[in-house]
N, C-alpha and C. Protein backbone atom coordinates (compact mmCIF):
# COMPACT_ATOMS: atom_id res chain seq x y z
N MET A 1 131.72 73.63 46.12
CA MET A 1 131.50 74.92 45.52
C MET A 1 130.03 75.11 45.18
N ARG A 2 129.43 74.03 44.78
CA ARG A 2 128.01 74.12 44.43
C ARG A 2 127.19 74.49 45.67
N THR A 3 127.54 73.90 46.80
CA THR A 3 126.82 74.19 48.04
C THR A 3 127.05 75.63 48.47
N ALA A 4 128.28 76.12 48.32
CA ALA A 4 128.59 77.50 48.71
C ALA A 4 127.80 78.48 47.85
N ARG A 5 127.72 78.19 46.57
CA ARG A 5 126.92 79.06 45.70
C ARG A 5 125.44 78.98 46.06
N ALA A 6 124.98 77.77 46.44
CA ALA A 6 123.58 77.60 46.82
C ALA A 6 123.26 78.37 48.10
N LYS A 7 124.27 78.53 48.97
CA LYS A 7 124.08 79.30 50.19
C LYS A 7 123.97 80.79 49.91
N GLY A 8 124.38 81.20 48.72
CA GLY A 8 124.28 82.60 48.35
C GLY A 8 125.58 83.37 48.47
N LEU A 9 126.69 82.67 48.62
CA LEU A 9 127.98 83.36 48.68
C LEU A 9 128.33 83.93 47.31
N ALA A 10 129.06 85.01 47.32
CA ALA A 10 129.48 85.64 46.07
C ALA A 10 130.50 84.75 45.35
N ASP A 11 130.58 84.92 44.05
CA ASP A 11 131.49 84.09 43.27
C ASP A 11 132.94 84.27 43.68
N GLY A 12 133.32 85.49 44.02
CA GLY A 12 134.70 85.74 44.45
C GLY A 12 135.04 85.01 45.73
N VAL A 13 134.12 84.99 46.67
CA VAL A 13 134.34 84.28 47.94
C VAL A 13 134.42 82.78 47.68
N VAL A 14 133.57 82.28 46.81
CA VAL A 14 133.56 80.85 46.51
C VAL A 14 134.88 80.44 45.87
N VAL A 15 135.35 81.24 44.94
CA VAL A 15 136.60 80.91 44.26
C VAL A 15 137.78 81.00 45.22
N CYS A 16 137.86 82.07 46.00
CA CYS A 16 139.00 82.24 46.91
C CYS A 16 139.01 81.22 48.04
N ARG A 17 137.87 81.00 48.64
CA ARG A 17 137.83 80.16 49.82
C ARG A 17 137.81 78.67 49.49
N HIS A 18 137.16 78.28 48.42
CA HIS A 18 136.97 76.86 48.15
C HIS A 18 137.87 76.36 47.01
N ALA A 19 137.85 77.01 45.88
CA ALA A 19 138.59 76.51 44.73
C ALA A 19 140.08 76.80 44.85
N LEU A 20 140.44 78.02 45.20
CA LEU A 20 141.84 78.39 45.27
C LEU A 20 142.59 77.62 46.35
N ARG A 21 141.93 77.33 47.43
CA ARG A 21 142.58 76.61 48.52
C ARG A 21 142.99 75.21 48.09
N ASN A 22 142.14 74.52 47.34
CA ASN A 22 142.49 73.20 46.85
C ASN A 22 143.51 73.27 45.73
N ALA A 23 143.45 74.29 44.92
CA ALA A 23 144.39 74.44 43.81
C ALA A 23 145.78 74.83 44.31
N LEU A 24 145.86 75.52 45.43
CA LEU A 24 147.16 75.93 45.96
C LEU A 24 148.04 74.75 46.33
N LEU A 25 147.48 73.65 46.76
CA LEU A 25 148.29 72.48 47.09
C LEU A 25 149.08 72.01 45.87
N THR A 26 148.45 71.98 44.73
CA THR A 26 149.13 71.57 43.51
C THR A 26 150.18 72.59 43.09
N ILE A 27 149.85 73.86 43.20
CA ILE A 27 150.80 74.91 42.83
C ILE A 27 152.03 74.86 43.72
N VAL A 28 151.84 74.70 45.01
CA VAL A 28 152.96 74.63 45.95
C VAL A 28 153.82 73.40 45.66
N THR A 29 153.20 72.28 45.33
CA THR A 29 153.94 71.08 45.00
C THR A 29 154.80 71.28 43.77
N VAL A 30 154.26 71.88 42.74
CA VAL A 30 155.01 72.10 41.50
C VAL A 30 156.17 73.06 41.74
N VAL A 31 155.94 74.13 42.48
CA VAL A 31 157.01 75.08 42.77
C VAL A 31 158.10 74.41 43.61
N GLY A 32 157.70 73.59 44.57
CA GLY A 32 158.67 72.90 45.41
C GLY A 32 159.52 71.91 44.64
N VAL A 33 158.96 71.29 43.62
CA VAL A 33 159.70 70.33 42.80
C VAL A 33 160.58 71.07 41.79
N GLN A 34 160.11 72.18 41.26
CA GLN A 34 160.84 72.89 40.22
C GLN A 34 162.01 73.72 40.76
N LEU A 35 161.98 74.11 42.02
CA LEU A 35 163.06 74.94 42.57
C LEU A 35 164.41 74.24 42.51
N PRO A 36 164.54 72.99 42.95
CA PRO A 36 165.84 72.32 42.81
C PRO A 36 166.26 72.14 41.34
N ARG A 37 165.30 71.90 40.46
CA ARG A 37 165.64 71.78 39.04
C ARG A 37 166.15 73.11 38.49
N LEU A 38 165.57 74.20 38.95
CA LEU A 38 166.00 75.52 38.52
C LEU A 38 167.43 75.79 38.97
N ILE A 39 167.74 75.41 40.17
CA ILE A 39 169.09 75.61 40.69
C ILE A 39 170.08 74.71 39.95
N GLY A 40 169.68 73.49 39.65
CA GLY A 40 170.55 72.58 38.92
C GLY A 40 170.78 73.03 37.49
N GLY A 41 169.79 73.61 36.86
CA GLY A 41 169.93 74.10 35.50
C GLY A 41 170.72 75.39 35.40
N ALA A 42 171.01 76.01 36.52
CA ALA A 42 171.77 77.26 36.51
C ALA A 42 173.18 77.03 36.00
N ALA A 43 173.74 75.87 36.24
CA ALA A 43 175.10 75.59 35.77
C ALA A 43 175.17 75.64 34.25
N VAL A 44 174.20 75.06 33.60
CA VAL A 44 174.18 75.07 32.13
C VAL A 44 173.96 76.48 31.61
N THR A 45 172.98 77.17 32.16
CA THR A 45 172.66 78.52 31.69
C THR A 45 173.83 79.48 31.91
N GLU A 46 174.44 79.43 33.07
CA GLU A 46 175.54 80.33 33.37
C GLU A 46 176.77 80.01 32.54
N THR A 47 176.98 78.75 32.23
CA THR A 47 178.12 78.38 31.41
C THR A 47 177.92 78.80 29.96
N VAL A 48 176.73 78.57 29.42
CA VAL A 48 176.45 78.91 28.02
C VAL A 48 176.53 80.42 27.80
N PHE A 49 175.93 81.20 28.69
CA PHE A 49 175.89 82.65 28.51
C PHE A 49 177.03 83.39 29.21
N ALA A 50 177.96 82.65 29.82
CA ALA A 50 179.13 83.22 30.50
C ALA A 50 178.72 84.21 31.59
N TRP A 51 177.67 83.87 32.33
CA TRP A 51 177.25 84.69 33.45
C TRP A 51 177.99 84.24 34.70
N PRO A 52 178.38 85.16 35.56
CA PRO A 52 179.00 84.73 36.81
C PRO A 52 177.94 84.22 37.78
N GLY A 53 178.26 83.17 38.48
CA GLY A 53 177.32 82.62 39.45
C GLY A 53 177.82 81.29 39.98
N MET A 54 177.00 80.66 40.82
CA MET A 54 177.42 79.40 41.42
C MET A 54 177.51 78.27 40.41
N GLY A 55 176.67 78.31 39.38
CA GLY A 55 176.71 77.26 38.36
C GLY A 55 178.00 77.27 37.59
N SER A 56 178.38 78.45 37.11
CA SER A 56 179.65 78.54 36.37
C SER A 56 180.83 78.30 37.30
N LEU A 57 180.72 78.69 38.55
CA LEU A 57 181.77 78.41 39.53
C LEU A 57 181.92 76.91 39.74
N ALA A 58 180.81 76.19 39.78
CA ALA A 58 180.86 74.73 39.94
C ALA A 58 181.50 74.07 38.73
N VAL A 59 181.16 74.54 37.54
CA VAL A 59 181.75 73.97 36.32
C VAL A 59 183.25 74.25 36.28
N ARG A 60 183.63 75.47 36.60
CA ARG A 60 185.06 75.82 36.62
C ARG A 60 185.81 74.99 37.67
N ALA A 61 185.20 74.81 38.83
CA ALA A 61 185.84 74.02 39.88
C ALA A 61 185.98 72.56 39.46
N ALA A 62 185.00 72.04 38.71
CA ALA A 62 185.09 70.66 38.24
C ALA A 62 186.21 70.50 37.23
N PHE A 63 186.37 71.47 36.33
CA PHE A 63 187.45 71.39 35.35
C PHE A 63 188.82 71.54 35.99
N GLU A 64 188.89 72.35 37.03
CA GLU A 64 190.17 72.57 37.72
C GLU A 64 190.41 71.55 38.83
N ARG A 65 189.46 70.66 39.04
CA ARG A 65 189.54 69.63 40.10
C ARG A 65 189.75 70.25 41.48
N ASP A 66 188.97 71.27 41.74
CA ASP A 66 189.00 71.95 43.04
C ASP A 66 187.95 71.27 43.92
N TYR A 67 188.33 70.20 44.57
CA TYR A 67 187.39 69.38 45.32
C TYR A 67 186.74 70.09 46.51
N PRO A 68 187.49 70.89 47.28
CA PRO A 68 186.80 71.62 48.37
C PRO A 68 185.71 72.57 47.86
N MET A 69 185.96 73.22 46.72
CA MET A 69 184.95 74.12 46.16
C MET A 69 183.73 73.33 45.69
N ILE A 70 183.95 72.19 45.07
CA ILE A 70 182.84 71.35 44.62
C ILE A 70 182.01 70.88 45.81
N MET A 71 182.69 70.47 46.88
CA MET A 71 181.96 70.03 48.08
C MET A 71 181.18 71.17 48.71
N GLY A 72 181.75 72.39 48.72
CA GLY A 72 181.05 73.54 49.27
C GLY A 72 179.82 73.90 48.47
N ILE A 73 179.95 73.89 47.14
CA ILE A 73 178.81 74.20 46.29
C ILE A 73 177.73 73.14 46.44
N THR A 74 178.14 71.88 46.52
CA THR A 74 177.18 70.79 46.71
C THR A 74 176.46 70.94 48.04
N LEU A 75 177.17 71.35 49.07
CA LEU A 75 176.57 71.57 50.39
C LEU A 75 175.54 72.70 50.34
N VAL A 76 175.87 73.79 49.67
CA VAL A 76 174.95 74.93 49.59
C VAL A 76 173.69 74.55 48.81
N ILE A 77 173.88 73.88 47.67
CA ILE A 77 172.72 73.48 46.86
C ILE A 77 171.86 72.48 47.62
N SER A 78 172.49 71.56 48.34
CA SER A 78 171.72 70.59 49.15
C SER A 78 170.93 71.29 50.25
N ALA A 79 171.54 72.29 50.87
CA ALA A 79 170.84 73.04 51.91
C ALA A 79 169.64 73.79 51.33
N VAL A 80 169.80 74.37 50.15
CA VAL A 80 168.68 75.08 49.52
C VAL A 80 167.55 74.12 49.19
N VAL A 81 167.90 72.94 48.69
CA VAL A 81 166.87 71.94 48.38
C VAL A 81 166.16 71.47 49.65
N ALA A 82 166.90 71.23 50.71
CA ALA A 82 166.29 70.79 51.97
C ALA A 82 165.39 71.88 52.56
N ILE A 83 165.85 73.13 52.51
CA ILE A 83 165.04 74.23 53.05
C ILE A 83 163.78 74.43 52.21
N SER A 84 163.90 74.30 50.89
CA SER A 84 162.71 74.45 50.06
C SER A 84 161.71 73.33 50.32
N SER A 85 162.19 72.12 50.57
CA SER A 85 161.28 71.02 50.91
C SER A 85 160.60 71.27 52.25
N LEU A 86 161.34 71.79 53.21
CA LEU A 86 160.76 72.11 54.50
C LEU A 86 159.70 73.21 54.37
N LEU A 87 160.00 74.24 53.58
CA LEU A 87 159.03 75.32 53.39
C LEU A 87 157.77 74.83 52.70
N VAL A 88 157.92 73.92 51.73
CA VAL A 88 156.75 73.36 51.05
C VAL A 88 155.88 72.60 52.05
N ASP A 89 156.50 71.82 52.92
CA ASP A 89 155.74 71.08 53.92
C ASP A 89 155.03 72.02 54.90
N LEU A 90 155.69 73.10 55.29
CA LEU A 90 155.06 74.05 56.21
C LEU A 90 153.92 74.81 55.53
N VAL A 91 154.07 75.12 54.26
CA VAL A 91 153.01 75.80 53.53
C VAL A 91 151.81 74.87 53.37
N TYR A 92 152.07 73.56 53.18
CA TYR A 92 150.98 72.58 53.13
C TYR A 92 150.12 72.67 54.37
N VAL A 93 150.77 72.72 55.52
CA VAL A 93 150.04 72.75 56.79
C VAL A 93 149.24 74.05 56.90
N ALA A 94 149.83 75.15 56.43
CA ALA A 94 149.12 76.43 56.51
C ALA A 94 147.92 76.47 55.57
N ILE A 95 148.04 75.84 54.40
CA ILE A 95 146.95 75.88 53.43
C ILE A 95 145.83 74.92 53.80
N ASP A 96 146.18 73.70 54.15
CA ASP A 96 145.18 72.66 54.39
C ASP A 96 145.28 72.18 55.84
N PRO A 97 144.34 72.52 56.68
CA PRO A 97 144.42 72.12 58.09
C PRO A 97 144.26 70.61 58.31
N ARG A 98 143.82 69.89 57.29
CA ARG A 98 143.69 68.44 57.46
C ARG A 98 145.06 67.76 57.51
N ILE A 99 146.08 68.44 57.02
CA ILE A 99 147.44 67.90 57.03
C ILE A 99 148.07 68.26 58.37
N ARG A 100 148.55 67.27 59.07
CA ARG A 100 149.16 67.50 60.39
C ARG A 100 150.66 67.31 60.29
N LEU A 101 151.38 67.98 61.18
CA LEU A 101 152.84 67.82 61.25
C LEU A 101 153.20 66.49 61.84
């Protein structure tokens, strides 16, 4: 960043092109890690506030011992986690060209 400023680039260009690009890797990592936690915490939130959703459906299925429903919900949540991990990896490649597939 010091070199870019020494070249005479504007502060906005320096921040967007140099600082933000390196900071985005950390932001993408945190979002990618927090998404599965958010989905997992939905069961507690939906149960406490009596909101309809997959979390409360999973809790109800567990109490009723509805095993096919539990397996289906687990499959959907696993697919969302896998897709979010794939998207994070693809965004890494788009942000930082040094990272190869």
